[in-house]
Amino acid sequence: METGETGDAVSSFEGDTSEEWVVMHALVKDDVIYYQPSQTSEGSYPYPTRMRFGVWSGIKSAGPGVGMLRLAEKYGDWVYTLKLTDYLDIDPPHDGWEGVTFGDAVNMATGLGGEAFHANPNDFFVDYNFGGTYDEWYRARSEADKVEMLNKVGNYPWGPGLVARYRDRDMFALGVAMDNFLKFMEGEDADIWDMIAEEVFEPIGIHHAPMGMTFEEGSDKGQPIMA
C-alpha cells in the first residue's frame, strides 16, 4: 500500500487536518480496521480499541433534533413555537433572546453570537471558535454555570429565524429548555434524555445511548450537553 493509487490515497488520508485536532485516524478495508496510534500529551494511548469517542455534530441531530420530533409527536407541532426564555432562566444584557423559539434553536437560527455581523455571504461556522467565551462555557462543569455563561453570548441585529450559525451553546440552551418543558408537562422526575433513549431509541433496538452530561453535586446525573 505504499505505491500506486492506493498509496497516494493512504498518504493523503489525513488531508489538511490540524494535528492538534486529531484523536485517531483509521480506515476500513475488507472488513478490517486499520488505525494509527492515538497520540496524547503523554504519548500514545495504550488501549485505542477501548477508547470512547465523542460524536459532536451527529448529537445535535440525535439529541435536540430527535427530541423535538418526539415532543411534537407527543404534544403537537406547536412545541416548535415555544419561547426559549419561558423555559430557560437567563438574564442577558441584551434582548437578543427575546422571541427565540425552540424551532429557531433546533434550526441553528437563533440570531445569537457576535463574530461576523454580515450574513451575505454567510459564514455558517464563524461562531464556532474555540476561544474567549466559548472556552469558558465549554469548561464550565455544572448546568447552572453553563446557563450563566449564556449571558455572555452576544446577538446579531437580524434577530432569530433568519440566519443559521453553528453554535454548541444554542443546542445546550435548547436542551435545558426542552427538559424544563418536559418536567412542566410530565412532572419533576421527567428527563429529556431518558425520554429520547426510552421512547425513541430503545424501540428501534438501541439499548445503550450514553450522553455527555454536566457535572453536578450529589446524586443529580446532570444535564445532557446536546451538542
C-alpha atoms as a PDB file:
ATOM      1  CA  MET A   1       0.000   0.000   0.000  1.00  0.00           C
ATOM      2  CA  GLU A   2       2.980   2.303  -0.453  1.00  0.00           C
ATOM      3  CA  THR A   3       2.854   2.826  -4.211  1.00  0.00           C
ATOM      4  CA  GLY A   4       0.297   3.466  -6.916  1.00  0.00           C
ATOM      5  CA  GLU A   5      -3.148   4.911  -6.479  1.00  0.00           C
ATOM      6  CA  THR A   6      -3.762   3.141  -3.160  1.00  0.00           C
ATOM      7  CA  GLY A   7      -0.547   4.523  -1.753  1.00  0.00           C
ATOM      8  CA  ASP A   8      -1.447   8.022  -2.852  1.00  0.00           C
ATOM      9  CA  ALA A   9      -4.836   7.738  -1.189  1.00  0.00           C
ATOM     10  CA  VAL A  10      -3.330   6.500   2.057  1.00  0.00           C
ATOM     11  CA  SER A  11      -0.578   9.097   2.094  1.00  0.00           C
ATOM     12  CA  SER A  12      -3.130  11.904   1.858  1.00  0.00           C
ATOM     13  CA  PHE A  13      -5.696  10.281   4.154  1.00  0.00           C
ATOM     14  CA  GLU A  14      -5.273  12.864   6.900  1.00  0.00           C
ATOM     15  CA  GLY A  15      -5.745  15.716   4.444  1.00  0.00           C
ATOM     16  CA  ASP A  16      -5.419  19.165   5.964  1.00  0.00           C
ATOM     17  CA  THR A  17      -6.478  18.142   9.463  1.00  0.00           C
ATOM     18  CA  SER A  18      -4.564  20.080  12.104  1.00  0.00           C
ATOM     19  CA  GLU A  19      -2.511  17.821  14.360  1.00  0.00           C
ATOM     20  CA  GLU A  20      -3.953  19.438  17.485  1.00  0.00           C
ATOM     21  CA  TRP A  21      -7.445  18.242  16.474  1.00  0.00           C
ATOM     22  CA  VAL A  22      -6.539  14.645  15.626  1.00  0.00           C
ATOM     23  CA  VAL A  23      -7.610  11.951  18.100  1.00  0.00           C
ATOM     24  CA  MET A  24      -7.195   8.993  15.785  1.00  0.00           C
ATOM     25  CA  HIS A  25      -7.205   8.282  12.064  1.00  0.00           C
ATOM     26  CA  ALA A  26      -8.450   4.983  10.710  1.00  0.00           C
ATOM     27  CA  LEU A  27      -9.778   3.327   7.589  1.00  0.00           C
ATOM     28  CA  VAL A  28     -11.711   0.163   6.848  1.00  0.00           C
ATOM     29  CA  LYS A  29     -10.722  -2.232   4.061  1.00  0.00           C
ATOM     30  CA  ASP A  30     -12.217  -5.696   3.563  1.00  0.00           C
ATOM     31  CA  ASP A  31     -13.883  -5.530   6.995  1.00  0.00           C
ATOM     32  CA  VAL A  32     -10.569  -4.797   8.701  1.00  0.00           C
ATOM     33  CA  ILE A  33      -9.966  -1.543  10.596  1.00  0.00           C
ATOM     34  CA  TYR A  34      -6.501  -0.056  10.124  1.00  0.00           C
ATOM     35  CA  TYR A  35      -5.729   2.694  12.621  1.00  0.00           C
ATOM     36  CA  GLN A  36      -2.855   4.864  13.669  1.00  0.00           C
ATOM     37  CA  PRO A  37      -1.690   5.334  17.265  1.00  0.00           C
ATOM     38  CA  SER A  38      -3.785   7.814  19.228  1.00  0.00           C
ATOM     39  CA  GLN A  39      -1.395  10.464  20.469  1.00  0.00           C
ATOM     40  CA  THR A  40      -1.828  12.243  23.787  1.00  0.00           C
ATOM     41  CA  SER A  41       0.309  14.773  25.629  1.00  0.00           C
ATOM     42  CA  GLU A  42       1.836  11.794  27.497  1.00  0.00           C
ATOM     43  CA  GLY A  43       2.482   9.646  24.434  1.00  0.00           C
ATOM     44  CA  SER A  44       0.457   7.031  22.548  1.00  0.00           C
ATOM     45  CA  TYR A  45      -2.766   5.932  24.223  1.00  0.00           C
ATOM     46  CA  PRO A  46      -2.206   2.234  25.084  1.00  0.00           C
ATOM     47  CA  TYR A  47      -5.793   0.949  24.635  1.00  0.00           C
ATOM     48  CA  PRO A  48      -7.096   2.508  21.405  1.00  0.00           C
ATOM     49  CA  THR A  49      -9.662  -0.231  20.712  1.00  0.00           C
ATOM     50  CA  ARG A  50     -11.319   0.538  24.063  1.00  0.00           C
ATOM     51  CA  MET A  51     -11.421   4.284  23.572  1.00  0.00           C
ATOM     52  CA  ARG A  52     -14.797   6.060  23.583  1.00  0.00           C
ATOM     53  CA  PHE A  53     -15.189   8.916  21.143  1.00  0.00           C
ATOM     54  CA  GLY A  54     -17.490  11.892  21.431  1.00  0.00           C
ATOM     55  CA  VAL A  55     -19.695  12.484  18.408  1.00  0.00           C
ATOM     56  CA  TRP A  56     -20.331  16.211  18.149  1.00  0.00           C
ATOM     57  CA  SER A  57     -22.328  17.242  15.101  1.00  0.00           C
ATOM     58  CA  GLY A  58     -24.275  13.978  14.998  1.00  0.00           C
ATOM     59  CA  ILE A  59     -25.516  14.516  18.555  1.00  0.00           C
ATOM     60  CA  LYS A  60     -27.182  17.757  17.509  1.00  0.00           C
ATOM     61  CA  SER A  61     -29.472  15.594  15.380  1.00  0.00           C
ATOM     62  CA  ALA A  62     -29.715  12.571  17.694  1.00  0.00           C
ATOM     63  CA  GLY A  63     -30.354  14.772  20.748  1.00  0.00           C
ATOM     64  CA  PRO A  64     -32.304  18.004  20.242  1.00  0.00           C
ATOM     65  CA  GLY A  65     -33.292  17.098  16.680  1.00  0.00           C
ATOM     66  CA  VAL A  66     -34.841  13.740  17.543  1.00  0.00           C
ATOM     67  CA  GLY A  67     -36.043  15.077  20.884  1.00  0.00           C
ATOM     68  CA  MET A  68     -38.016  17.879  19.274  1.00  0.00           C
ATOM     69  CA  LEU A  69     -39.616  15.453  16.838  1.00  0.00           C
ATOM     70  CA  ARG A  70     -40.683  13.242  19.737  1.00  0.00           C
ATOM     71  CA  LEU A  71     -42.082  16.197  21.692  1.00  0.00           C
ATOM     72  CA  ALA A  72     -44.021  17.258  18.592  1.00  0.00           C
ATOM     73  CA  GLU A  73     -45.347  13.726  18.187  1.00  0.00           C
ATOM     74  CA  LYS A  74     -46.494  13.625  21.824  1.00  0.00           C
ATOM     75  CA  TYR A  75     -47.880  17.127  22.242  1.00  0.00           C
ATOM     76  CA  GLY A  76     -48.212  18.697  18.806  1.00  0.00           C
ATOM     77  CA  ASP A  77     -46.006  20.657  16.466  1.00  0.00           C
ATOM     78  CA  TRP A  78     -46.777  23.838  18.429  1.00  0.00           C
ATOM     79  CA  VAL A  79     -43.801  22.887  20.606  1.00  0.00           C
ATOM     80  CA  TYR A  80     -41.607  24.434  17.903  1.00  0.00           C
ATOM     81  CA  THR A  81     -43.168  27.831  18.678  1.00  0.00           C
ATOM     82  CA  LEU A  82     -42.353  27.732  22.398  1.00  0.00           C
ATOM     83  CA  LYS A  83     -40.080  30.554  23.557  1.00  0.00           C
ATOM     84  CA  LEU A  84     -36.712  29.536  24.979  1.00  0.00           C
ATOM     85  CA  THR A  85     -36.811  32.212  27.679  1.00  0.00           C
ATOM     86  CA  ASP A  86     -40.040  30.743  29.083  1.00  0.00           C
ATOM     87  CA  TYR A  87     -38.089  27.591  29.985  1.00  0.00           C
ATOM     88  CA  LEU A  88     -34.572  28.982  30.413  1.00  0.00           C
ATOM     89  CA  ASP A  89     -33.537  31.110  33.410  1.00  0.00           C
ATOM     90  CA  ILE A  90     -31.110  33.646  31.984  1.00  0.00           C
ATOM     91  CA  ASP A  91     -30.567  37.377  32.406  1.00  0.00           C
ATOM     92  CA  PRO A  92     -28.590  38.637  29.394  1.00  0.00           C
ATOM     93  CA  PRO A  93     -27.562  42.292  28.929  1.00  0.00           C
ATOM     94  CA  HIS A  94     -29.434  42.489  25.600  1.00  0.00           C
ATOM     95  CA  ASP A  95     -32.797  41.477  24.142  1.00  0.00           C
ATOM     96  CA  GLY A  96     -31.404  39.015  21.605  1.00  0.00           C
ATOM     97  CA  TRP A  97     -33.003  36.021  23.335  1.00  0.00           C
ATOM     98  CA  GLU A  98     -36.478  37.516  23.146  1.00  0.00           C
ATOM     99  CA  GLY A  99     -38.592  35.778  20.540  1.00  0.00           C
ATOM    100  CA  VAL A 100     -36.158  32.875  20.036  1.00  0.00           C
ATOM    101  CA  THR A 101     -38.260  29.723  19.697  1.00  0.00           C
ATOM    102  CA  PHE A 102     -37.446  26.062  20.145  1.00  0.00           C
ATOM    103  CA  GLY A 103     -37.713  25.814  16.359  1.00  0.00           C
ATOM    104  CA  ASP A 104     -35.207  28.630  15.830  1.00  0.00           C
ATOM    105  CA  ALA A 105     -32.750  26.903  18.142  1.00  0.00           C
ATOM    106  CA  VAL A 106     -33.010  23.463  16.545  1.00  0.00           C
ATOM    107  CA  ASN A 107     -32.562  25.187  13.144  1.00  0.00           C
ATOM    108  CA  MET A 108     -29.424  26.939  14.470  1.00  0.00           C
ATOM    109  CA  ALA A 109     -31.009  30.273  13.596  1.00  0.00           C
ATOM    110  CA  THR A 110     -31.214  31.973  16.993  1.00  0.00           C
ATOM    111  CA  GLY A 111     -29.617  35.240  15.912  1.00  0.00           C
ATOM    112  CA  LEU A 112     -27.182  34.930  18.820  1.00  0.00           C
ATOM    113  CA  GLY A 113     -23.418  35.227  18.510  1.00  0.00           C
ATOM    114  CA  GLY A 114     -21.024  38.040  17.819  1.00  0.00           C
ATOM    115  CA  GLU A 115     -18.266  37.083  15.413  1.00  0.00           C
ATOM    116  CA  ALA A 116     -19.374  38.326  11.976  1.00  0.00           C
ATOM    117  CA  PHE A 117     -22.046  40.985  11.535  1.00  0.00           C
ATOM    118  CA  HIS A 118     -22.651  40.206   7.890  1.00  0.00           C
ATOM    119  CA  ALA A 119     -24.848  37.420   6.566  1.00  0.00           C
ATOM    120  CA  ASN A 120     -24.344  37.671   2.809  1.00  0.00           C
ATOM    121  CA  PRO A 121     -22.318  35.666   2.148  1.00  0.00           C
ATOM    122  CA  ASN A 122     -22.972  33.771   5.350  1.00  0.00           C
ATOM    123  CA  ASP A 123     -20.153  32.026   7.223  1.00  0.00           C
ATOM    124  CA  PHE A 124     -22.051  29.180   8.899  1.00  0.00           C
ATOM    125  CA  PHE A 125     -19.191  28.232  11.227  1.00  0.00           C
ATOM    126  CA  VAL A 126     -17.969  31.707  12.164  1.00  0.00           C
ATOM    127  CA  ASP A 127     -19.302  31.461  15.750  1.00  0.00           C
ATOM    128  CA  TYR A 128     -17.767  28.032  16.262  1.00  0.00           C
ATOM    129  CA  ASN A 129     -14.480  29.402  17.553  1.00  0.00           C
ATOM    130  CA  PHE A 130     -12.635  27.734  20.412  1.00  0.00           C
ATOM    131  CA  GLY A 131     -11.652  30.848  22.268  1.00  0.00           C
ATOM    132  CA  GLY A 132     -12.984  33.587  24.509  1.00  0.00           C
ATOM    133  CA  THR A 133     -16.417  32.924  25.955  1.00  0.00           C
ATOM    134  CA  TYR A 134     -16.772  29.616  24.088  1.00  0.00           C
ATOM    135  CA  ASP A 135     -13.887  28.064  26.019  1.00  0.00           C
ATOM    136  CA  GLU A 136     -15.260  29.444  29.280  1.00  0.00           C
ATOM    137  CA  TRP A 137     -18.665  27.950  28.538  1.00  0.00           C
ATOM    138  CA  TYR A 138     -17.221  24.601  27.477  1.00  0.00           C
ATOM    139  CA  ARG A 139     -15.114  24.296  30.629  1.00  0.00           C
ATOM    140  CA  ALA A 140     -17.980  25.249  32.962  1.00  0.00           C
ATOM    141  CA  ARG A 141     -18.874  21.998  34.680  1.00  0.00           C
ATOM    142  CA  SER A 142     -22.395  22.386  36.059  1.00  0.00           C
ATOM    143  CA  GLU A 143     -25.689  23.151  34.344  1.00  0.00           C
ATOM    144  CA  ALA A 144     -26.053  26.343  36.380  1.00  0.00           C
ATOM    145  CA  ASP A 145     -22.568  27.530  35.406  1.00  0.00           C
ATOM    146  CA  LYS A 146     -23.152  26.750  31.741  1.00  0.00           C
ATOM    147  CA  VAL A 147     -26.520  28.542  31.762  1.00  0.00           C
ATOM    148  CA  GLU A 148     -24.923  31.529  33.480  1.00  0.00           C
ATOM    149  CA  MET A 149     -22.309  31.638  30.725  1.00  0.00           C
ATOM    150  CA  LEU A 150     -25.108  32.038  28.156  1.00  0.00           C
ATOM    151  CA  ASN A 151     -25.484  35.601  29.447  1.00  0.00           C
ATOM    152  CA  LYS A 152     -22.127  36.404  27.849  1.00  0.00           C
ATOM    153  CA  VAL A 153     -23.333  35.467  24.370  1.00  0.00           C
ATOM    154  CA  GLY A 154     -23.836  38.447  22.070  1.00  0.00           C
ATOM    155  CA  ASN A 155     -26.547  38.892  19.487  1.00  0.00           C
ATOM    156  CA  TYR A 156     -26.923  39.936  15.866  1.00  0.00           C
ATOM    157  CA  PRO A 157     -29.185  42.727  14.604  1.00  0.00           C
ATOM    158  CA  TRP A 158     -31.200  40.443  12.311  1.00  0.00           C
ATOM    159  CA  GLY A 159     -32.790  38.514  15.201  1.00  0.00           C
ATOM    160  CA  PRO A 160     -33.997  34.892  15.245  1.00  0.00           C
ATOM    161  CA  GLY A 161     -35.202  32.727  12.407  1.00  0.00           C
ATOM    162  CA  LEU A 162     -33.236  34.312   9.548  1.00  0.00           C
ATOM    163  CA  VAL A 163     -29.548  33.328   9.564  1.00  0.00           C
ATOM    164  CA  ALA A 164     -28.124  29.930  10.513  1.00  0.00           C
ATOM    165  CA  ARG A 165     -24.931  29.781  12.564  1.00  0.00           C
ATOM    166  CA  TYR A 166     -23.393  26.606  14.014  1.00  0.00           C
ATOM    167  CA  ARG A 167     -23.386  27.055  17.790  1.00  0.00           C
ATOM    168  CA  ASP A 168     -22.973  24.418  20.517  1.00  0.00           C
ATOM    169  CA  ARG A 169     -24.270  26.797  23.166  1.00  0.00           C
ATOM    170  CA  ASP A 170     -27.609  27.170  21.413  1.00  0.00           C
ATOM    171  CA  MET A 171     -28.055  23.391  21.320  1.00  0.00           C
ATOM    172  CA  PHE A 172     -27.288  23.199  25.035  1.00  0.00           C
ATOM    173  CA  ALA A 173     -29.729  26.025  25.777  1.00  0.00           C
ATOM    174  CA  LEU A 174     -32.405  24.218  23.774  1.00  0.00           C
ATOM    175  CA  GLY A 175     -31.725  21.000  25.688  1.00  0.00           C
ATOM    176  CA  VAL A 176     -32.213  22.744  29.024  1.00  0.00           C
ATOM    177  CA  ALA A 177     -35.434  24.356  27.796  1.00  0.00           C
ATOM    178  CA  MET A 178     -36.713  21.042  26.428  1.00  0.00           C
ATOM    179  CA  ASP A 179     -36.002  19.354  29.754  1.00  0.00           C
ATOM    180  CA  ASN A 180     -37.824  22.071  31.697  1.00  0.00           C
ATOM    181  CA  PHE A 181     -40.778  21.889  29.307  1.00  0.00           C
ATOM    182  CA  LEU A 182     -40.958  18.113  29.716  1.00  0.00           C
ATOM    183  CA  LYS A 183     -40.893  18.485  33.504  1.00  0.00           C
ATOM    184  CA  PHE A 184     -43.743  21.003  33.235  1.00  0.00           C
ATOM    185  CA  MET A 185     -45.774  18.515  31.208  1.00  0.00           C
ATOM    186  CA  GLU A 186     -44.896  15.268  32.991  1.00  0.00           C
ATOM    187  CA  GLY A 187     -43.544  16.131  36.432  1.00  0.00           C
ATOM    188  CA  GLU A 188     -40.176  16.791  38.054  1.00  0.00           C
ATOM    189  CA  ASP A 189     -38.993  13.206  37.569  1.00  0.00           C
ATOM    190  CA  ALA A 190     -39.169  13.556  33.782  1.00  0.00           C
ATOM    191  CA  ASP A 191     -35.826  13.771  31.984  1.00  0.00           C
ATOM    192  CA  ILE A 192     -35.345  14.771  28.358  1.00  0.00           C
ATOM    193  CA  TRP A 193     -32.532  12.337  27.610  1.00  0.00           C
ATOM    194  CA  ASP A 194     -34.301   9.437  29.334  1.00  0.00           C
ATOM    195  CA  MET A 195     -37.358  10.197  27.207  1.00  0.00           C
ATOM    196  CA  ILE A 196     -35.345  10.160  23.986  1.00  0.00           C
ATOM    197  CA  ALA A 197     -33.473   6.968  24.935  1.00  0.00           C
ATOM    198  CA  GLU A 198     -36.522   5.069  26.207  1.00  0.00           C
ATOM    199  CA  GLU A 199     -39.228   6.260  23.828  1.00  0.00           C
ATOM    200  CA  VAL A 200     -37.268   6.597  20.588  1.00  0.00           C
ATOM    201  CA  PHE A 201     -34.007   4.656  20.654  1.00  0.00           C
ATOM    202  CA  GLU A 202     -34.999   1.531  22.619  1.00  0.00           C
ATOM    203  CA  PRO A 203     -37.992   0.693  20.392  1.00  0.00           C
ATOM    204  CA  ILE A 204     -35.679   0.600  17.360  1.00  0.00           C
ATOM    205  CA  GLY A 205     -33.092  -1.597  19.065  1.00  0.00           C
ATOM    206  CA  ILE A 206     -30.675   0.947  20.538  1.00  0.00           C
ATOM    207  CA  HIS A 207     -30.488  -0.121  24.173  1.00  0.00           C
ATOM    208  CA  HIS A 208     -27.392   1.814  25.233  1.00  0.00           C
ATOM    209  CA  ALA A 209     -27.268   5.532  24.458  1.00  0.00           C
ATOM    210  CA  PRO A 210     -24.619   7.334  26.546  1.00  0.00           C
ATOM    211  CA  MET A 211     -24.591  11.121  26.511  1.00  0.00           C
ATOM    212  CA  GLY A 212     -22.128  13.672  27.816  1.00  0.00           C
ATOM    213  CA  MET A 213     -23.608  15.353  30.874  1.00  0.00           C
ATOM    214  CA  THR A 214     -22.814  18.314  33.075  1.00  0.00           C
ATOM    215  CA  PHE A 215     -21.149  17.551  36.412  1.00  0.00           C
ATOM    216  CA  GLU A 216     -23.463  18.148  39.369  1.00  0.00           C
ATOM    217  CA  GLU A 217     -23.137  17.855  43.131  1.00  0.00           C
ATOM    218  CA  GLY A 218     -24.803  14.934  44.902  1.00  0.00           C
ATOM    219  CA  SER A 219     -26.974  12.469  43.039  1.00  0.00           C
ATOM    220  CA  ASP A 220     -28.037  14.698  40.145  1.00  0.00           C
ATOM    221  CA  LYS A 221     -26.865  12.945  36.993  1.00  0.00           C
ATOM    222  CA  GLY A 222     -26.526  16.196  35.081  1.00  0.00           C
ATOM    223  CA  GLN A 223     -27.973  17.940  32.063  1.00  0.00           C
ATOM    224  CA  PRO A 224     -27.207  16.472  28.615  1.00  0.00           C
ATOM    225  CA  ILE A 225     -24.856  18.729  26.663  1.00  0.00           C
ATOM    226  CA  MET A 226     -26.886  18.110  23.468  1.00  0.00           C
ATOM    227  CA  ALA A 227     -24.065  19.434  21.254  1.00  0.00           C
END
